[in-house]
C-alpha atoms as a PDB file:
ATOM      1  CA  UNK A   1     -30.723  -1.091 160.908  1.00  0.00           C
ATOM      2  CA  UNK A   2     -33.389  -1.361 158.237  1.00  0.00           C
ATOM      3  CA  UNK A   3     -36.887   0.086 158.259  1.00  0.00           C
ATOM      4  CA  UNK A   4     -39.964  -2.071 158.113  1.00  0.00           C
ATOM      5  CA  UNK A   5     -42.331  -1.240 155.263  1.00  0.00           C
ATOM      6  CA  UNK A   6     -45.337  -1.896 157.439  1.00  0.00           C
ATOM      7  CA  UNK A   7     -44.313   0.925 159.787  1.00  0.00           C
ATOM      8  CA  UNK A   8     -44.705   3.636 157.145  1.00  0.00           C
ATOM      9  CA  UNK A   9     -48.373   4.322 157.787  1.00  0.00           C
ATOM     10  CA  UNK A  10     -47.880   4.201 161.568  1.00  0.00           C
ATOM     11  CA  UNK A  11     -45.184   6.880 161.249  1.00  0.00           C
ATOM     12  CA  UNK A  12     -47.559   8.934 159.164  1.00  0.00           C
ATOM     13  CA  UNK A  13     -50.295   8.712 161.778  1.00  0.00           C
ATOM     14  CA  UNK A  14     -47.882   9.696 164.540  1.00  0.00           C
ATOM     15  CA  UNK A  15     -46.782  12.727 162.550  1.00  0.00           C
ATOM     16  CA  UNK A  16     -50.392  13.692 161.950  1.00  0.00           C
ATOM     17  CA  UNK A  17     -51.185  13.517 165.644  1.00  0.00           C
ATOM     18  CA  UNK A  18     -48.215  15.647 166.631  1.00  0.00           C
ATOM     19  CA  UNK A  19     -48.318  18.234 163.842  1.00  0.00           C
ATOM     20  CA  UNK A  20     -50.428  21.357 164.003  1.00  0.00           C
ATOM     21  CA  UNK A  21     -53.387  21.855 161.661  1.00  0.00           C
ATOM     22  CA  UNK A  22     -52.773  24.749 159.276  1.00  0.00           C
ATOM     23  CA  UNK A  23     -55.359  27.010 157.723  1.00  0.00           C
ATOM     24  CA  UNK A  24     -56.014  27.019 154.009  1.00  0.00           C
ATOM     25  CA  UNK A  25     -56.783  24.267 151.551  1.00  0.00           C
ATOM     26  CA  UNK A  26     -54.909  24.330 148.255  1.00  0.00           C
ATOM     27  CA  UNK A  27     -53.434  21.592 146.099  1.00  0.00           C
ATOM     28  CA  UNK A  28     -52.405  18.378 147.836  1.00  0.00           C
ATOM     29  CA  UNK A  29     -48.922  18.364 146.391  1.00  0.00           C
ATOM     30  CA  UNK A  30     -48.380  21.960 147.528  1.00  0.00           C
ATOM     31  CA  UNK A  31     -49.712  21.129 150.979  1.00  0.00           C
ATOM     32  CA  UNK A  32     -47.454  18.117 151.307  1.00  0.00           C
ATOM     33  CA  UNK A  33     -44.438  20.310 150.713  1.00  0.00           C
ATOM     34  CA  UNK A  34     -45.692  23.208 152.819  1.00  0.00           C
ATOM     35  CA  UNK A  35     -43.095  24.832 155.012  1.00  0.00           C
ATOM     36  CA  UNK A  36     -39.366  24.076 154.778  1.00  0.00           C
ATOM     37  CA  UNK A  37     -39.403  21.067 152.493  1.00  0.00           C
ATOM     38  CA  UNK A  38     -36.502  18.625 152.675  1.00  0.00           C
ATOM     39  CA  UNK A  39     -33.775  19.388 150.173  1.00  0.00           C
ATOM     40  CA  UNK A  40     -34.159  15.947 148.618  1.00  0.00           C
ATOM     41  CA  UNK A  41     -37.661  14.844 149.572  1.00  0.00           C
ATOM     42  CA  UNK A  42     -38.096  11.179 148.815  1.00  0.00           C
ATOM     43  CA  UNK A  43     -41.369  11.648 146.927  1.00  0.00           C
ATOM     44  CA  UNK A  44     -39.315  13.025 144.037  1.00  0.00           C
ATOM     45  CA  UNK A  45     -38.748   9.377 143.076  1.00  0.00           C
ATOM     46  CA  UNK A  46     -40.689   7.964 140.152  1.00  0.00           C
ATOM     47  CA  UNK A  47     -41.753   4.403 139.342  1.00  0.00           C
ATOM     48  CA  UNK A  48     -39.477   2.360 137.089  1.00  0.00           C
ATOM     49  CA  UNK A  49     -41.036   2.205 133.585  1.00  0.00           C
ATOM     50  CA  UNK A  50     -40.541  -1.563 133.290  1.00  0.00           C
ATOM     51  CA  UNK A  51     -41.951  -2.418 136.702  1.00  0.00           C
ATOM     52  CA  UNK A  52     -45.389  -2.452 138.325  1.00  0.00           C
ATOM     53  CA  UNK A  53     -47.363   0.241 140.097  1.00  0.00           C
ATOM     54  CA  UNK A  54     -50.375   0.273 142.394  1.00  0.00           C
ATOM     55  CA  UNK A  55     -51.995   3.713 142.424  1.00  0.00           C
ATOM     56  CA  UNK A  56     -55.105   5.299 143.898  1.00  0.00           C
ATOM     57  CA  UNK A  57     -56.438   8.860 143.881  1.00  0.00           C
ATOM     58  CA  UNK A  58     -59.820   9.985 145.166  1.00  0.00           C
ATOM     59  CA  UNK A  59     -61.118  12.786 147.392  1.00  0.00           C
ATOM     60  CA  UNK A  60     -57.613  14.181 147.951  1.00  0.00           C
ATOM     61  CA  UNK A  61     -56.313  10.797 149.050  1.00  0.00           C
ATOM     62  CA  UNK A  62     -53.337   9.809 146.933  1.00  0.00           C
ATOM     63  CA  UNK A  63     -51.389   6.561 146.989  1.00  0.00           C
ATOM     64  CA  UNK A  64     -48.615   5.076 144.884  1.00  0.00           C
ATOM     65  CA  UNK A  65     -46.537   1.953 145.437  1.00  0.00           C
ATOM     66  CA  UNK A  66     -44.182   0.650 142.759  1.00  0.00           C
ATOM     67  CA  UNK A  67     -41.367  -1.814 142.173  1.00  0.00           C
ATOM     68  CA  UNK A  68     -38.890  -2.225 139.284  1.00  0.00           C
ATOM     69  CA  UNK A  69     -38.793  -4.837 136.550  1.00  0.00           C
ATOM     70  CA  UNK A  70     -36.015  -6.809 138.221  1.00  0.00           C
ATOM     71  CA  UNK A  71     -38.336  -7.431 141.178  1.00  0.00           C
ATOM     72  CA  UNK A  72     -41.418  -7.960 138.994  1.00  0.00           C
ATOM     73  CA  UNK A  73     -39.534 -10.762 137.184  1.00  0.00           C
ATOM     74  CA  UNK A  74     -39.214 -12.786 140.413  1.00  0.00           C
ATOM     75  CA  UNK A  75     -42.698 -14.245 140.910  1.00  0.00           C
ATOM     76  CA  UNK A  76     -42.686 -14.805 144.701  1.00  0.00           C
ATOM     77  CA  UNK A  77     -41.109 -11.419 145.355  1.00  0.00           C
ATOM     78  CA  UNK A  78     -43.562  -9.672 143.029  1.00  0.00           C
ATOM     79  CA  UNK A  79     -46.451 -11.402 144.779  1.00  0.00           C
ATOM     80  CA  UNK A  80     -45.143 -10.277 148.160  1.00  0.00           C
ATOM     81  CA  UNK A  81     -44.716  -6.673 147.015  1.00  0.00           C
ATOM     82  CA  UNK A  82     -48.148  -6.685 145.419  1.00  0.00           C
ATOM     83  CA  UNK A  83     -49.733  -7.897 148.663  1.00  0.00           C
ATOM     84  CA  UNK A  84     -47.883  -5.275 150.704  1.00  0.00           C
ATOM     85  CA  UNK A  85     -48.851  -2.560 148.254  1.00  0.00           C
ATOM     86  CA  UNK A  86     -52.515  -3.493 148.367  1.00  0.00           C
ATOM     87  CA  UNK A  87     -52.445  -3.599 152.157  1.00  0.00           C
ATOM     88  CA  UNK A  88     -50.895  -0.129 152.343  1.00  0.00           C
ATOM     89  CA  UNK A  89     -53.357   1.181 149.739  1.00  0.00           C
ATOM     90  CA  UNK A  90     -56.332   0.045 151.817  1.00  0.00           C
ATOM     91  CA  UNK A  91     -54.809   1.456 155.009  1.00  0.00           C
ATOM     92  CA  UNK A  92     -54.073   4.795 153.338  1.00  0.00           C
ATOM     93  CA  UNK A  93     -57.551   5.039 151.821  1.00  0.00           C
ATOM     94  CA  UNK A  94     -59.178   4.282 155.185  1.00  0.00           C
ATOM     95  CA  UNK A  95     -56.913   6.670 157.099  1.00  0.00           C
ATOM     96  CA  UNK A  96     -57.622   9.417 154.572  1.00  0.00           C
ATOM     97  CA  UNK A  97     -61.370   8.990 154.997  1.00  0.00           C
ATOM     98  CA  UNK A  98     -60.999   9.131 158.776  1.00  0.00           C
ATOM     99  CA  UNK A  99     -58.878  12.278 158.568  1.00  0.00           C
ATOM    100  CA  UNK A 100     -61.475  13.882 156.305  1.00  0.00           C
ATOM    101  CA  UNK A 101     -64.226  13.031 158.808  1.00  0.00           C
ATOM    102  CA  UNK A 102     -62.121  14.342 161.710  1.00  0.00           C
ATOM    103  CA  UNK A 103     -61.485  17.603 159.866  1.00  0.00           C
ATOM    104  CA  UNK A 104     -65.202  18.065 159.245  1.00  0.00           C
ATOM    105  CA  UNK A 105     -66.057  17.285 162.850  1.00  0.00           C
ATOM    106  CA  UNK A 106     -63.244  19.430 164.239  1.00  0.00           C
ATOM    107  CA  UNK A 107     -63.892  22.378 161.968  1.00  0.00           C
ATOM    108  CA  UNK A 108     -60.446  22.565 160.401  1.00  0.00           C
ATOM    109  CA  UNK A 109     -59.584  22.317 156.680  1.00  0.00           C
ATOM    110  CA  UNK A 110     -59.019  18.885 155.235  1.00  0.00           C
ATOM    111  CA  UNK A 111     -55.711  19.219 153.410  1.00  0.00           C
ATOM    112  CA  UNK A 112     -55.387  15.778 151.882  1.00  0.00           C
ATOM    113  CA  UNK A 113     -53.696  12.516 152.730  1.00  0.00           C
ATOM    114  CA  UNK A 114     -51.030  10.650 150.784  1.00  0.00           C
ATOM    115  CA  UNK A 115     -48.439   7.911 150.817  1.00  0.00           C
ATOM    116  CA  UNK A 116     -45.975   7.118 148.051  1.00  0.00           C
ATOM    117  CA  UNK A 117     -43.340   4.392 148.070  1.00  0.00           C
ATOM    118  CA  UNK A 118     -41.198   3.580 145.042  1.00  0.00           C
ATOM    119  CA  UNK A 119     -38.762   0.676 145.195  1.00  0.00           C
ATOM    120  CA  UNK A 120     -35.557   1.300 143.233  1.00  0.00           C
ATOM    121  CA  UNK A 121     -32.849  -1.151 142.211  1.00  0.00           C
ATOM    122  CA  UNK A 122     -29.690  -0.951 144.345  1.00  0.00           C
ATOM    123  CA  UNK A 123     -28.049  -4.230 143.236  1.00  0.00           C
ATOM    124  CA  UNK A 124     -28.987  -7.084 140.916  1.00  0.00           C
ATOM    125  CA  UNK A 125     -26.455  -9.899 141.195  1.00  0.00           C
ATOM    126  CA  UNK A 126     -26.781 -13.618 140.426  1.00  0.00           C
ATOM    127  CA  UNK A 127     -27.299 -14.448 144.106  1.00  0.00           C
ATOM    128  CA  UNK A 128     -28.897 -11.315 145.522  1.00  0.00           C
ATOM    129  CA  UNK A 129     -31.332  -8.551 144.634  1.00  0.00           C
ATOM    130  CA  UNK A 130     -31.191  -5.380 146.725  1.00  0.00           C
ATOM    131  CA  UNK A 131     -33.934  -2.761 146.607  1.00  0.00           C
ATOM    132  CA  UNK A 132     -34.140   0.632 148.286  1.00  0.00           C
ATOM    133  CA  UNK A 133     -37.484   2.353 148.571  1.00  0.00           C
ATOM    134  CA  UNK A 134     -38.021   6.072 148.716  1.00  0.00           C
ATOM    135  CA  UNK A 135     -41.299   7.173 150.166  1.00  0.00           C
ATOM    136  CA  UNK A 136     -43.206  10.157 151.444  1.00  0.00           C
ATOM    137  CA  UNK A 137     -46.201  10.498 153.737  1.00  0.00           C
ATOM    138  CA  UNK A 138     -48.504  13.465 154.203  1.00  0.00           C
ATOM    139  CA  UNK A 139     -51.238  13.234 156.810  1.00  0.00           C
ATOM    140  CA  UNK A 140     -52.558  16.787 156.893  1.00  0.00           C
ATOM    141  CA  UNK A 141     -50.121  18.374 159.310  1.00  0.00           C
ATOM    142  CA  UNK A 142     -47.520  21.099 158.910  1.00  0.00           C
ATOM    143  CA  UNK A 143     -45.546  19.072 156.366  1.00  0.00           C
ATOM    144  CA  UNK A 144     -45.050  15.543 155.115  1.00  0.00           C
ATOM    145  CA  UNK A 145     -42.201  13.203 155.959  1.00  0.00           C
ATOM    146  CA  UNK A 146     -39.891  11.106 153.793  1.00  0.00           C
ATOM    147  CA  UNK A 147     -38.995   7.551 154.717  1.00  0.00           C
ATOM    148  CA  UNK A 148     -36.675   4.862 153.365  1.00  0.00           C
ATOM    149  CA  UNK A 149     -36.895   1.068 153.432  1.00  0.00           C
ATOM    150  CA  UNK A 150     -34.659  -1.697 152.146  1.00  0.00           C
ATOM    151  CA  UNK A 151     -35.239  -5.190 150.821  1.00  0.00           C
ATOM    152  CA  UNK A 152     -32.659  -7.944 150.308  1.00  0.00           C
ATOM    153  CA  UNK A 153     -33.817 -10.951 148.278  1.00  0.00           C
ATOM    154  CA  UNK A 154     -31.921 -14.245 148.310  1.00  0.00           C
ATOM    155  CA  UNK A 155     -32.493 -15.520 144.768  1.00  0.00           C
ATOM    156  CA  UNK A 156     -31.408 -19.103 145.468  1.00  0.00           C
ATOM    157  CA  UNK A 157     -33.349 -19.329 148.718  1.00  0.00           C
ATOM    158  CA  UNK A 158     -36.377 -17.457 147.405  1.00  0.00           C
ATOM    159  CA  UNK A 159     -36.699 -15.352 150.548  1.00  0.00           C
ATOM    160  CA  UNK A 160     -36.089 -11.973 152.104  1.00  0.00           C
ATOM    161  CA  UNK A 161     -32.991 -11.507 154.198  1.00  0.00           C
ATOM    162  CA  UNK A 162     -32.197  -9.211 157.089  1.00  0.00           C
ATOM    163  CA  UNK A 163     -28.936  -7.275 156.900  1.00  0.00           C
ATOM    164  CA  UNK A 164     -27.433  -9.431 159.643  1.00  0.00           C
ATOM    165  CA  UNK A 165     -27.758 -12.452 157.351  1.00  0.00           C
ATOM    166  CA  UNK A 166     -24.935 -10.884 155.334  1.00  0.00           C
ATOM    167  CA  UNK A 167     -22.898  -9.142 158.023  1.00  0.00           C
ATOM    168  CA  UNK A 168     -21.707  -9.287 161.568  1.00  0.00           C
ATOM    169  CA  UNK A 169     -23.584  -6.076 162.337  1.00  0.00           C
ATOM    170  CA  UNK A 170     -21.316  -4.815 165.100  1.00  0.00           C
ATOM    171  CA  UNK A 171     -18.206  -5.464 163.006  1.00  0.00           C
ATOM    172  CA  UNK A 172     -19.745  -3.662 160.025  1.00  0.00           C
ATOM    173  CA  UNK A 173     -20.560  -0.570 162.070  1.00  0.00           C
ATOM    174  CA  UNK A 174     -17.048  -0.513 163.516  1.00  0.00           C
ATOM    175  CA  UNK A 175     -15.605  -0.906 160.017  1.00  0.00           C
ATOM    176  CA  UNK A 176     -17.427   2.102 158.590  1.00  0.00           C
ATOM    177  CA  UNK A 177     -17.779   4.434 161.583  1.00  0.00           C
ATOM    178  CA  UNK A 178     -14.749   6.689 161.024  1.00  0.00           C
ATOM    179  CA  UNK A 179     -15.352   7.076 157.277  1.00  0.00           C
ATOM    180  CA  UNK A 180     -19.068   7.536 157.889  1.00  0.00           C
ATOM    181  CA  UNK A 181     -18.538  10.393 160.356  1.00  0.00           C
ATOM    182  CA  UNK A 182     -16.082  12.136 158.016  1.00  0.00           C
ATOM    183  CA  UNK A 183     -18.427  11.772 155.053  1.00  0.00           C
ATOM    184  CA  UNK A 184     -21.369  13.078 157.079  1.00  0.00           C
ATOM    185  CA  UNK A 185     -19.527  16.224 158.143  1.00  0.00           C
ATOM    186  CA  UNK A 186     -18.302  16.795 154.581  1.00  0.00           C
ATOM    187  CA  UNK A 187     -21.874  16.610 153.311  1.00  0.00           C
ATOM    188  CA  UNK A 188     -23.129  18.832 156.126  1.00  0.00           C
ATOM    189  CA  UNK A 189     -20.493  21.438 155.249  1.00  0.00           C
ATOM    190  CA  UNK A 190     -21.510  21.264 151.595  1.00  0.00           C
ATOM    191  CA  UNK A 191     -25.166  21.830 152.409  1.00  0.00           C
ATOM    192  CA  UNK A 192     -24.625  24.490 155.070  1.00  0.00           C
ATOM    193  CA  UNK A 193     -21.794  26.368 153.391  1.00  0.00           C
ATOM    194  CA  UNK A 194     -19.669  26.347 156.534  1.00  0.00           C
ATOM    195  CA  UNK A 195     -17.456  23.888 158.434  1.00  0.00           C
ATOM    196  CA  UNK A 196     -19.097  21.753 161.103  1.00  0.00           C
ATOM    197  CA  UNK A 197     -18.099  22.597 164.675  1.00  0.00           C
ATOM    198  CA  UNK A 198     -18.928  19.668 167.001  1.00  0.00           C
ATOM    199  CA  UNK A 199     -18.414  21.963 169.995  1.00  0.00           C
ATOM    200  CA  UNK A 200     -20.711  24.730 168.802  1.00  0.00           C
ATOM    201  CA  UNK A 201     -22.829  26.179 171.619  1.00  0.00           C
ATOM    202  CA  UNK A 202     -25.588  27.517 169.390  1.00  0.00           C
ATOM    203  CA  UNK A 203     -28.235  25.491 167.615  1.00  0.00           C
ATOM    204  CA  UNK A 204     -29.042  21.836 168.273  1.00  0.00           C
ATOM    205  CA  UNK A 205     -25.876  19.999 169.390  1.00  0.00           C
ATOM    206  CA  UNK A 206     -26.864  16.709 167.743  1.00  0.00           C
ATOM    207  CA  UNK A 207     -26.869  18.409 164.341  1.00  0.00           C
ATOM    208  CA  UNK A 208     -23.137  19.046 164.652  1.00  0.00           C
ATOM    209  CA  UNK A 209     -22.132  15.648 165.987  1.00  0.00           C
ATOM    210  CA  UNK A 210     -21.789  12.283 164.337  1.00  0.00           C
ATOM    211  CA  UNK A 211     -24.843  10.056 164.582  1.00  0.00           C
ATOM    212  CA  UNK A 212     -24.745   6.350 165.342  1.00  0.00           C
ATOM    213  CA  UNK A 213     -24.616   4.481 162.010  1.00  0.00           C
ATOM    214  CA  UNK A 214     -26.145   1.427 163.686  1.00  0.00           C
ATOM    215  CA  UNK A 215     -29.388   3.387 164.120  1.00  0.00           C
ATOM    216  CA  UNK A 216     -29.588   4.399 160.445  1.00  0.00           C
ATOM    217  CA  UNK A 217     -30.684   2.552 157.309  1.00  0.00           C
ATOM    218  CA  UNK A 218     -27.774   0.499 155.948  1.00  0.00           C
ATOM    219  CA  UNK A 219     -27.690  -1.500 152.734  1.00  0.00           C
ATOM    220  CA  UNK A 220     -25.116  -2.987 150.339  1.00  0.00           C
ATOM    221  CA  UNK A 221     -25.101  -1.460 146.854  1.00  0.00           C
ATOM    222  CA  UNK A 222     -23.555  -2.387 143.522  1.00  0.00           C
ATOM    223  CA  UNK A 223     -22.226   0.811 141.969  1.00  0.00           C
ATOM    224  CA  UNK A 224     -20.230  -1.047 139.319  1.00  0.00           C
ATOM    225  CA  UNK A 225     -22.852  -3.683 138.583  1.00  0.00           C
ATOM    226  CA  UNK A 226     -20.581  -6.697 139.177  1.00  0.00           C
ATOM    227  CA  UNK A 227     -20.302  -7.040 142.965  1.00  0.00           C
ATOM    228  CA  UNK A 228     -21.543  -5.424 146.149  1.00  0.00           C
ATOM    229  CA  UNK A 229     -18.908  -2.696 146.210  1.00  0.00           C
ATOM    230  CA  UNK A 230     -20.541   0.021 148.302  1.00  0.00           C
ATOM    231  CA  UNK A 231     -22.094   0.357 151.747  1.00  0.00           C
ATOM    232  CA  UNK A 232     -24.851   2.946 151.758  1.00  0.00           C
ATOM    233  CA  UNK A 233     -26.031   4.667 154.920  1.00  0.00           C
ATOM    234  CA  UNK A 234     -29.259   6.686 154.776  1.00  0.00           C
ATOM    235  CA  UNK A 235     -30.080   9.218 157.490  1.00  0.00           C
ATOM    236  CA  UNK A 236     -33.582  10.647 157.722  1.00  0.00           C
ATOM    237  CA  UNK A 237     -34.475  14.271 158.574  1.00  0.00           C
ATOM    238  CA  UNK A 238     -34.044  15.387 162.196  1.00  0.00           C
ATOM    239  CA  UNK A 239     -31.314  12.781 162.825  1.00  0.00           C
ATOM    240  CA  UNK A 240     -28.242  14.613 161.515  1.00  0.00           C
ATOM    241  CA  UNK A 241     -29.766  17.946 160.587  1.00  0.00           C
ATOM    242  CA  UNK A 242     -32.992  19.946 160.370  1.00  0.00           C
ATOM    243  CA  UNK A 243     -35.922  18.913 158.216  1.00  0.00           C
ATOM    244  CA  UNK A 244     -34.974  21.357 155.458  1.00  0.00           C
ATOM    245  CA  UNK A 245     -31.645  19.562 154.905  1.00  0.00           C
ATOM    246  CA  UNK A 246     -33.549  16.450 153.891  1.00  0.00           C
ATOM    247  CA  UNK A 247     -32.158  12.938 153.709  1.00  0.00           C
ATOM    248  CA  UNK A 248     -28.442  12.311 153.969  1.00  0.00           C
ATOM    249  CA  UNK A 249     -27.330   9.410 151.776  1.00  0.00           C
ATOM    250  CA  UNK A 250     -23.684   8.441 152.164  1.00  0.00           C
ATOM    251  CA  UNK A 251     -21.988   5.859 149.937  1.00  0.00           C
ATOM    252  CA  UNK A 252     -18.838   4.268 151.362  1.00  0.00           C
ATOM    253  CA  UNK A 253     -16.687   2.018 149.128  1.00  0.00           C
ATOM    254  CA  UNK A 254     -16.204  -1.520 150.392  1.00  0.00           C
ATOM    255  CA  UNK A 255     -12.714  -2.006 151.843  1.00  0.00           C
ATOM    256  CA  UNK A 256     -10.895  -4.818 153.632  1.00  0.00           C
ATOM    257  CA  UNK A 257     -12.455  -3.934 156.981  1.00  0.00           C
ATOM    258  CA  UNK A 258     -15.954  -4.158 155.512  1.00  0.00           C
ATOM    259  CA  UNK A 259     -15.194  -7.461 153.765  1.00  0.00           C
ATOM    260  CA  UNK A 260     -13.975  -8.864 157.081  1.00  0.00           C
ATOM    261  CA  UNK A 261     -17.427  -8.118 158.533  1.00  0.00           C
ATOM    262  CA  UNK A 262     -19.192 -10.095 155.774  1.00  0.00           C
ATOM    263  CA  UNK A 263     -20.337 -13.578 156.728  1.00  0.00           C
ATOM    264  CA  UNK A 264     -18.524 -16.367 154.834  1.00  0.00           C
ATOM    265  CA  UNK A 265     -21.548 -17.485 152.831  1.00  0.00           C
ATOM    266  CA  UNK A 266     -21.810 -14.057 151.181  1.00  0.00           C
ATOM    267  CA  UNK A 267     -18.169 -12.988 150.972  1.00  0.00           C
ATOM    268  CA  UNK A 268     -17.858 -13.859 147.273  1.00  0.00           C
ATOM    269  CA  UNK A 269     -20.579 -11.313 146.433  1.00  0.00           C
ATOM    270  CA  UNK A 270     -18.466  -8.426 147.732  1.00  0.00           C
ATOM    271  CA  UNK A 271     -15.735  -6.645 145.820  1.00  0.00           C
ATOM    272  CA  UNK A 272     -13.611  -3.561 146.298  1.00  0.00           C
ATOM    273  CA  UNK A 273     -15.269  -0.190 145.884  1.00  0.00           C
ATOM    274  CA  UNK A 274     -13.875   2.674 143.851  1.00  0.00           C
END
């Protein structure tokens, strides 16, 4: 249900291989948003002022990786994030150089190469820290691509947790499915300016149907700051709508059905949502 941070660059390379090479050079930021940019492209995120940032910019290769102060204050977590950031920086720098060489050899314009990933605080409770990253990759193709990752940190155990350490995953999906589908269609209608018809014969059928929440990014969030009171589901472009509609982020208040899906060891961290 969650994305792996190490897959970000692989996704970028796959997009580069499949996307067409466009003519014209221009500014890297403009190139990254060329075409129908997502309505809420993840690279709009900015680093937290009290956190840490790893940044690199040279020869139209741009990289930024940041995490907030709450994560920087936990030494083993900060060390882990720093190592991951440095690894991604080196991979991005190398991939950018290779793309530049390929462009020269192939006779097409080199349009830049970038990866940004900014971790944001989703919950900071006595027992658990939850981060959500917003990122964006551009590898020289028709347009860039946003991505999202999550990180759950067990403060007492000093370790990362998978979502299924907190939940019975199947029970959680069953608990949120109906509300998730209703919220998705409501957001689609808001963005499209028209009701969603699941039986529409025109367009791409999947863009008018509910998607499987189990295949999306799911994380617990603290909207009120006291407990985990919200289940957030993040849907990337092309899953529930076209690229131009961007990321769908749906926040569902925790209810009794969700709490029943929480494993006993973590049940005290969850409260009722608004």
